[in-house]
Amino acid sequence: MKELSAVKLVVNRSRFYSHLYMISDTGEVEGILKEHRSIYKKANHHCYAFIFNDEESFKNDGEVGHPGQTILGILKREGLGSHCLMVSRIFGGRKLGVGGVTRSFKEAADGVIVEMRSHS
C-alpha cells in the first residue's frame, strides 16, 4: 500500500481525516483500517471504499447516511481502480444529521482526490 494523499476537514467541530491509498491487493485494506484505528483512536467511525480489479466494496462502520457508498461512488467517478479511500471521523459534539454527515464525508473524500491531483 502507498499513501497518495491525506486531508483534514472540520465541520461543526467534527474532524474528518481522509486518506487515499494505492493498493496492490484487497488484503491491504484490513491493514489500512487497523492503522487508522491506531492513529485516530478517538474516531467513532472509519468509513471506506476500495476498488481492486473487478472487486469493489465499502464499509459504513455504523455511520448514518451510507458514507461508504458515497466514497465508492467517488472512486468510480474518478476512475480510481487499485485504490482505497478511508475517512475517519472524530465526533465534535454536534450532530450533523444524515444529510450533513453524507455531505461531510463526500467533501472529505473529494478533498483528498483534489489534493492528490494537485501533487501529480
N, C-alpha and C. Protein backbone atom coordinates (compact mmCIF):
# COMPACT_ATOMS: atom_id res chain seq x y z
N MET A 1 0.84 -1.18 0.00
CA MET A 1 0.00 0.00 0.00
C MET A 1 0.88 1.23 0.00
N LYS A 2 0.41 2.25 -0.69
CA LYS A 2 1.14 3.51 -0.74
C LYS A 2 0.14 4.64 -0.55
N GLU A 3 0.38 5.47 0.45
CA GLU A 3 -0.50 6.62 0.67
C GLU A 3 -0.19 7.67 -0.39
N LEU A 4 -1.24 8.13 -1.08
CA LEU A 4 -1.08 9.12 -2.13
C LEU A 4 -1.36 10.53 -1.65
N SER A 5 -2.31 10.67 -0.74
CA SER A 5 -2.62 11.99 -0.20
C SER A 5 -3.48 11.87 1.06
N ALA A 6 -3.53 12.95 1.81
CA ALA A 6 -4.33 12.99 3.04
C ALA A 6 -4.79 14.42 3.28
N VAL A 7 -6.02 14.58 3.78
CA VAL A 7 -6.55 15.89 4.11
C VAL A 7 -7.37 15.80 5.40
N LYS A 8 -7.54 16.95 6.03
CA LYS A 8 -8.38 17.06 7.23
C LYS A 8 -9.47 18.08 6.93
N LEU A 9 -10.69 17.74 7.30
CA LEU A 9 -11.83 18.63 7.14
C LEU A 9 -12.50 18.76 8.51
N VAL A 10 -12.86 19.99 8.89
CA VAL A 10 -13.58 20.21 10.15
C VAL A 10 -14.95 20.78 9.81
N VAL A 11 -16.00 20.11 10.33
CA VAL A 11 -17.38 20.54 10.13
C VAL A 11 -18.06 20.51 11.49
N ASN A 12 -18.47 21.67 11.99
CA ASN A 12 -19.12 21.77 13.30
C ASN A 12 -18.36 21.00 14.38
N ARG A 13 -17.08 21.19 14.42
CA ARG A 13 -16.15 20.60 15.38
C ARG A 13 -15.88 19.12 15.17
N SER A 14 -16.62 18.46 14.28
CA SER A 14 -16.26 17.08 13.91
C SER A 14 -15.08 17.14 12.96
N ARG A 15 -14.13 16.24 13.15
CA ARG A 15 -12.94 16.20 12.29
C ARG A 15 -12.99 14.96 11.41
N PHE A 16 -12.77 15.18 10.12
CA PHE A 16 -12.78 14.11 9.13
C PHE A 16 -11.38 14.01 8.55
N TYR A 17 -10.74 12.86 8.72
CA TYR A 17 -9.39 12.62 8.21
C TYR A 17 -9.49 11.66 7.03
N SER A 18 -9.19 12.18 5.85
CA SER A 18 -9.38 11.43 4.61
C SER A 18 -8.01 11.06 4.03
N HIS A 19 -7.86 9.78 3.67
CA HIS A 19 -6.59 9.29 3.11
C HIS A 19 -6.89 8.45 1.87
N LEU A 20 -6.08 8.65 0.84
CA LEU A 20 -6.20 7.86 -0.38
C LEU A 20 -4.96 7.00 -0.53
N TYR A 21 -5.17 5.71 -0.78
CA TYR A 21 -4.07 4.75 -0.91
C TYR A 21 -4.14 4.03 -2.25
N MET A 22 -2.98 3.73 -2.80
CA MET A 22 -2.87 2.79 -3.91
C MET A 22 -2.64 1.43 -3.26
N ILE A 23 -3.44 0.44 -3.66
CA ILE A 23 -3.30 -0.90 -3.07
C ILE A 23 -2.89 -1.91 -4.14
N SER A 24 -2.18 -2.94 -3.70
CA SER A 24 -1.74 -3.99 -4.64
C SER A 24 -2.55 -5.27 -4.47
N ASP A 25 -3.38 -5.35 -3.41
CA ASP A 25 -4.34 -6.45 -3.25
C ASP A 25 -5.35 -6.05 -2.19
N THR A 26 -6.49 -6.74 -2.17
CA THR A 26 -7.57 -6.37 -1.25
C THR A 26 -7.22 -6.64 0.21
N GLY A 27 -6.26 -7.51 0.46
CA GLY A 27 -5.84 -7.80 1.83
C GLY A 27 -5.24 -6.60 2.53
N GLU A 28 -4.75 -5.64 1.78
CA GLU A 28 -4.14 -4.45 2.38
C GLU A 28 -5.18 -3.55 3.06
N VAL A 29 -6.43 -3.67 2.67
CA VAL A 29 -7.47 -2.81 3.22
C VAL A 29 -7.60 -3.02 4.73
N GLU A 30 -7.53 -4.26 5.18
CA GLU A 30 -7.61 -4.53 6.62
C GLU A 30 -6.45 -3.89 7.37
N GLY A 31 -5.26 -3.89 6.77
CA GLY A 31 -4.11 -3.23 7.39
C GLY A 31 -4.28 -1.72 7.47
N ILE A 32 -4.87 -1.14 6.42
CA ILE A 32 -5.14 0.30 6.42
C ILE A 32 -6.14 0.63 7.53
N LEU A 33 -7.18 -0.18 7.66
CA LEU A 33 -8.18 0.04 8.70
C LEU A 33 -7.55 -0.07 10.09
N LYS A 34 -6.71 -1.06 10.27
CA LYS A 34 -6.02 -1.24 11.56
C LYS A 34 -5.14 -0.03 11.88
N GLU A 35 -4.45 0.48 10.87
CA GLU A 35 -3.59 1.66 11.05
C GLU A 35 -4.42 2.88 11.42
N HIS A 36 -5.56 3.07 10.76
CA HIS A 36 -6.42 4.21 11.08
C HIS A 36 -6.99 4.11 12.48
N ARG A 37 -7.34 2.90 12.90
CA ARG A 37 -7.84 2.73 14.27
C ARG A 37 -6.77 3.07 15.29
N SER A 38 -5.51 2.83 14.95
CA SER A 38 -4.40 3.14 15.83
C SER A 38 -4.09 4.64 15.84
N ILE A 39 -4.06 5.25 14.66
CA ILE A 39 -3.73 6.68 14.54
C ILE A 39 -4.85 7.55 15.10
N TYR A 40 -6.10 7.21 14.75
CA TYR A 40 -7.26 8.02 15.14
C TYR A 40 -8.06 7.26 16.19
N LYS A 41 -7.48 7.13 17.38
CA LYS A 41 -8.08 6.34 18.45
C LYS A 41 -9.42 6.91 18.91
N LYS A 42 -9.60 8.21 18.79
CA LYS A 42 -10.85 8.85 19.23
C LYS A 42 -11.93 8.83 18.15
N ALA A 43 -11.61 8.33 16.97
CA ALA A 43 -12.59 8.30 15.88
C ALA A 43 -13.71 7.31 16.19
N ASN A 44 -14.92 7.75 15.97
CA ASN A 44 -16.09 6.89 16.18
C ASN A 44 -16.32 6.00 14.96
N HIS A 45 -15.94 6.47 13.78
CA HIS A 45 -16.23 5.76 12.54
C HIS A 45 -15.04 5.84 11.59
N HIS A 46 -14.77 4.72 10.93
CA HIS A 46 -13.74 4.64 9.88
C HIS A 46 -14.45 4.09 8.65
N CYS A 47 -14.92 4.97 7.80
CA CYS A 47 -15.68 4.58 6.62
C CYS A 47 -14.74 4.54 5.42
N TYR A 48 -14.95 3.55 4.55
CA TYR A 48 -14.05 3.42 3.42
C TYR A 48 -14.70 2.73 2.25
N ALA A 49 -14.00 2.80 1.14
CA ALA A 49 -14.36 2.04 -0.06
C ALA A 49 -13.06 1.70 -0.77
N PHE A 50 -13.11 0.60 -1.53
CA PHE A 50 -11.97 0.26 -2.36
C PHE A 50 -12.44 -0.36 -3.66
N ILE A 51 -11.60 -0.21 -4.66
CA ILE A 51 -11.78 -0.88 -5.94
C ILE A 51 -10.45 -1.52 -6.27
N PHE A 52 -10.48 -2.81 -6.58
CA PHE A 52 -9.27 -3.51 -7.00
C PHE A 52 -9.67 -4.53 -8.05
N ASN A 53 -9.12 -4.38 -9.25
CA ASN A 53 -9.51 -5.21 -10.40
C ASN A 53 -11.03 -5.14 -10.55
N ASP A 54 -11.70 -6.27 -10.51
CA ASP A 54 -13.16 -6.28 -10.64
C ASP A 54 -13.88 -6.28 -9.30
N GLU A 55 -13.13 -6.22 -8.21
CA GLU A 55 -13.73 -6.27 -6.88
C GLU A 55 -13.87 -4.85 -6.33
N GLU A 56 -15.03 -4.60 -5.73
CA GLU A 56 -15.25 -3.32 -5.07
C GLU A 56 -16.07 -3.56 -3.81
N SER A 57 -15.82 -2.73 -2.82
CA SER A 57 -16.53 -2.89 -1.56
C SER A 57 -16.50 -1.57 -0.81
N PHE A 58 -17.40 -1.44 0.16
CA PHE A 58 -17.41 -0.26 1.03
C PHE A 58 -17.88 -0.66 2.40
N LYS A 59 -17.57 0.18 3.38
CA LYS A 59 -18.00 -0.06 4.76
C LYS A 59 -18.42 1.27 5.37
N ASN A 60 -19.61 1.27 5.98
CA ASN A 60 -20.14 2.47 6.63
C ASN A 60 -19.73 2.56 8.10
N ASP A 61 -19.28 1.47 8.67
CA ASP A 61 -18.82 1.40 10.06
C ASP A 61 -19.83 1.99 11.05
N GLY A 62 -21.12 1.74 10.82
CA GLY A 62 -22.15 2.19 11.74
C GLY A 62 -22.55 3.65 11.59
N GLU A 63 -21.93 4.36 10.67
CA GLU A 63 -22.25 5.78 10.46
C GLU A 63 -23.56 5.90 9.69
N VAL A 64 -24.31 6.96 9.97
CA VAL A 64 -25.57 7.22 9.26
C VAL A 64 -25.28 7.77 7.86
N GLY A 65 -26.23 7.63 6.96
CA GLY A 65 -26.12 8.28 5.66
C GLY A 65 -25.36 7.51 4.61
N HIS A 66 -24.91 6.32 4.88
CA HIS A 66 -24.18 5.47 3.91
C HIS A 66 -22.95 6.15 3.30
N PRO A 67 -22.04 6.68 4.13
CA PRO A 67 -20.87 7.35 3.58
C PRO A 67 -19.95 6.43 2.78
N GLY A 68 -19.88 5.15 3.15
CA GLY A 68 -19.03 4.22 2.39
C GLY A 68 -19.47 4.11 0.94
N GLN A 69 -20.77 4.07 0.74
CA GLN A 69 -21.31 4.01 -0.62
C GLN A 69 -20.99 5.30 -1.38
N THR A 70 -21.06 6.43 -0.70
CA THR A 70 -20.71 7.72 -1.31
C THR A 70 -19.24 7.73 -1.71
N ILE A 71 -18.38 7.22 -0.84
CA ILE A 71 -16.94 7.16 -1.12
C ILE A 71 -16.68 6.26 -2.33
N LEU A 72 -17.37 5.12 -2.39
CA LEU A 72 -17.22 4.22 -3.54
C LEU A 72 -17.61 4.93 -4.83
N GLY A 73 -18.69 5.69 -4.79
CA GLY A 73 -19.11 6.45 -5.97
C GLY A 73 -18.05 7.44 -6.44
N ILE A 74 -17.33 8.03 -5.51
CA ILE A 74 -16.26 8.97 -5.86
C ILE A 74 -15.10 8.23 -6.53
N LEU A 75 -14.73 7.07 -5.99
CA LEU A 75 -13.67 6.28 -6.63
C LEU A 75 -14.06 5.91 -8.06
N LYS A 76 -15.31 5.50 -8.25
CA LYS A 76 -15.79 5.15 -9.59
C LYS A 76 -15.78 6.36 -10.52
N ARG A 77 -16.30 7.48 -10.03
CA ARG A 77 -16.36 8.71 -10.83
C ARG A 77 -14.97 9.14 -11.30
N GLU A 78 -13.99 8.97 -10.43
CA GLU A 78 -12.63 9.40 -10.73
C GLU A 78 -11.84 8.34 -11.49
N GLY A 79 -12.42 7.16 -11.70
CA GLY A 79 -11.73 6.09 -12.41
C GLY A 79 -10.55 5.54 -11.64
N LEU A 80 -10.67 5.47 -10.32
CA LEU A 80 -9.56 5.03 -9.47
C LEU A 80 -9.71 3.55 -9.11
N GLY A 81 -9.16 2.67 -9.92
CA GLY A 81 -9.07 1.26 -9.59
C GLY A 81 -7.78 1.06 -8.82
N SER A 82 -7.65 -0.01 -8.10
CA SER A 82 -6.47 -0.29 -7.27
C SER A 82 -6.27 0.77 -6.19
N HIS A 83 -7.37 1.29 -5.68
CA HIS A 83 -7.32 2.34 -4.66
C HIS A 83 -8.26 2.04 -3.50
N CYS A 84 -7.88 2.56 -2.34
CA CYS A 84 -8.72 2.54 -1.15
C CYS A 84 -8.78 3.97 -0.62
N LEU A 85 -9.99 4.43 -0.32
CA LEU A 85 -10.18 5.76 0.24
C LEU A 85 -10.84 5.58 1.60
N MET A 86 -10.16 6.03 2.64
CA MET A 86 -10.61 5.86 4.03
C MET A 86 -10.83 7.23 4.65
N VAL A 87 -11.97 7.41 5.31
CA VAL A 87 -12.28 8.64 6.03
C VAL A 87 -12.62 8.28 7.47
N SER A 88 -11.83 8.81 8.41
CA SER A 88 -12.05 8.58 9.84
C SER A 88 -12.67 9.85 10.43
N ARG A 89 -13.75 9.68 11.19
CA ARG A 89 -14.45 10.83 11.78
C ARG A 89 -14.34 10.81 13.29
N ILE A 90 -13.91 11.95 13.83
CA ILE A 90 -13.90 12.16 15.28
C ILE A 90 -15.05 13.12 15.57
N PHE A 91 -16.04 12.65 16.32
CA PHE A 91 -17.25 13.42 16.61
C PHE A 91 -16.90 14.66 17.41
N GLY A 92 -17.48 15.79 17.01
CA GLY A 92 -17.17 17.06 17.65
C GLY A 92 -18.20 17.54 18.65
N GLY A 93 -19.20 16.71 18.96
CA GLY A 93 -20.17 17.10 19.96
C GLY A 93 -21.45 17.69 19.40
N ARG A 94 -21.50 17.93 18.10
CA ARG A 94 -22.71 18.46 17.48
C ARG A 94 -23.16 17.51 16.39
N LYS A 95 -24.43 17.15 16.43
CA LYS A 95 -24.97 16.25 15.42
C LYS A 95 -25.08 16.99 14.08
N LEU A 96 -24.74 16.28 13.01
CA LEU A 96 -24.77 16.87 11.67
C LEU A 96 -26.02 16.46 10.91
N GLY A 97 -26.73 15.45 11.36
CA GLY A 97 -27.88 14.93 10.63
C GLY A 97 -27.40 14.04 9.50
N VAL A 98 -28.30 13.24 8.96
CA VAL A 98 -27.94 12.29 7.91
C VAL A 98 -27.36 13.01 6.70
N GLY A 99 -28.04 14.07 6.24
CA GLY A 99 -27.56 14.83 5.07
C GLY A 99 -26.22 15.49 5.33
N GLY A 100 -26.05 16.04 6.52
CA GLY A 100 -24.80 16.71 6.87
C GLY A 100 -23.63 15.74 6.95
N VAL A 101 -23.90 14.56 7.48
CA VAL A 101 -22.86 13.52 7.56
C VAL A 101 -22.44 13.11 6.15
N THR A 102 -23.42 12.84 5.30
CA THR A 102 -23.13 12.42 3.93
C THR A 102 -22.34 13.50 3.19
N ARG A 103 -22.77 14.75 3.30
CA ARG A 103 -22.06 15.85 2.64
C ARG A 103 -20.63 15.99 3.15
N SER A 104 -20.45 15.84 4.46
CA SER A 104 -19.12 15.99 5.06
C SER A 104 -18.17 14.89 4.60
N PHE A 105 -18.65 13.64 4.59
CA PHE A 105 -17.81 12.55 4.10
C PHE A 105 -17.49 12.75 2.62
N LYS A 106 -18.46 13.21 1.84
CA LYS A 106 -18.23 13.46 0.41
C LYS A 106 -17.18 14.56 0.23
N GLU A 107 -17.32 15.65 0.99
CA GLU A 107 -16.37 16.75 0.89
C GLU A 107 -14.96 16.30 1.28
N ALA A 108 -14.85 15.50 2.33
CA ALA A 108 -13.53 15.00 2.75
C ALA A 108 -12.93 14.09 1.69
N ALA A 109 -13.76 13.22 1.10
CA ALA A 109 -13.28 12.31 0.06
C ALA A 109 -12.90 13.07 -1.20
N ASP A 110 -13.72 14.03 -1.61
CA ASP A 110 -13.38 14.85 -2.77
C ASP A 110 -12.09 15.63 -2.52
N GLY A 111 -11.92 16.11 -1.30
CA GLY A 111 -10.74 16.90 -0.96
C GLY A 111 -9.44 16.12 -1.11
N VAL A 112 -9.46 14.85 -0.72
CA VAL A 112 -8.24 14.04 -0.82
C VAL A 112 -7.90 13.75 -2.29
N ILE A 113 -8.92 13.67 -3.15
CA ILE A 113 -8.70 13.48 -4.58
C ILE A 113 -8.08 14.75 -5.18
N VAL A 114 -8.63 15.90 -4.82
CA VAL A 114 -8.09 17.17 -5.30
C VAL A 114 -6.64 17.32 -4.85
N GLU A 115 -6.38 16.99 -3.60
CA GLU A 115 -5.01 17.07 -3.06
C GLU A 115 -4.06 16.17 -3.84
N MET A 116 -4.48 14.96 -4.14
CA MET A 116 -3.65 14.02 -4.90
C MET A 116 -3.37 14.57 -6.29
N ARG A 117 -4.40 15.06 -6.95
CA ARG A 117 -4.24 15.57 -8.31
C ARG A 117 -3.35 16.82 -8.36
N SER A 118 -3.40 17.63 -7.31
CA SER A 118 -2.58 18.86 -7.29
C SER A 118 -1.09 18.56 -7.13
N HIS A 119 -0.77 17.37 -6.65
CA HIS A 119 0.64 16.99 -6.48
C HIS A 119 1.12 16.01 -7.53
N SER A 120 0.28 15.76 -8.54
CA SER A 120 0.69 14.82 -9.60
C SER A 120 1.49 15.51 -10.69
